[in-house]
Amino acid sequence: MIAKLQIYKCPHCGNIVEVLQV
């Protein structure tokens, strides 16, 4: 499997969330 790490910025709270998709 290839793990893909996405950096997502929440438009509502302004927090930067790291989403790890396996």
C-alpha atoms as a PDB file:
ATOM      1  CA  MET A   1       0.000   0.000   0.000  1.00  0.00           C
ATOM      2  CA  ILE A   2       1.040   3.580  -0.590  1.00  0.00           C
ATOM      3  CA  ALA A   3       0.392   5.931   2.293  1.00  0.00           C
ATOM      4  CA  LYS A   4      -0.472   9.431   1.153  1.00  0.00           C
ATOM      5  CA  LEU A   5      -0.164  12.333   3.562  1.00  0.00           C
ATOM      6  CA  GLN A   6      -2.271  15.366   2.785  1.00  0.00           C
ATOM      7  CA  ILE A   7      -1.980  18.746   4.441  1.00  0.00           C
ATOM      8  CA  TYR A   8      -5.474  20.186   4.721  1.00  0.00           C
ATOM      9  CA  LYS A   9      -6.367  23.593   6.105  1.00  0.00           C
ATOM     10  CA  CYS A  10      -9.761  23.823   7.733  1.00  0.00           C
ATOM     11  CA  PRO A  11     -11.599  26.841   6.278  1.00  0.00           C
ATOM     12  CA  HIS A  12     -13.803  27.154   9.362  1.00  0.00           C
ATOM     13  CA  CYS A  13     -11.400  26.877  12.292  1.00  0.00           C
ATOM     14  CA  GLY A  14      -8.222  27.806  10.419  1.00  0.00           C
ATOM     15  CA  ASN A  15      -6.351  24.819  11.788  1.00  0.00           C
ATOM     16  CA  ILE A  16      -3.953  22.817   9.664  1.00  0.00           C
ATOM     17  CA  VAL A  17      -4.969  19.169   9.691  1.00  0.00           C
ATOM     18  CA  GLU A  18      -2.776  16.332   8.467  1.00  0.00           C
ATOM     19  CA  VAL A  19      -4.837  13.563   6.911  1.00  0.00           C
ATOM     20  CA  LEU A  20      -3.149  10.214   6.430  1.00  0.00           C
ATOM     21  CA  GLN A  21      -4.774   7.998   3.823  1.00  0.00           C
ATOM     22  CA  VAL A  22      -3.573   4.418   3.705  1.00  0.00           C
END
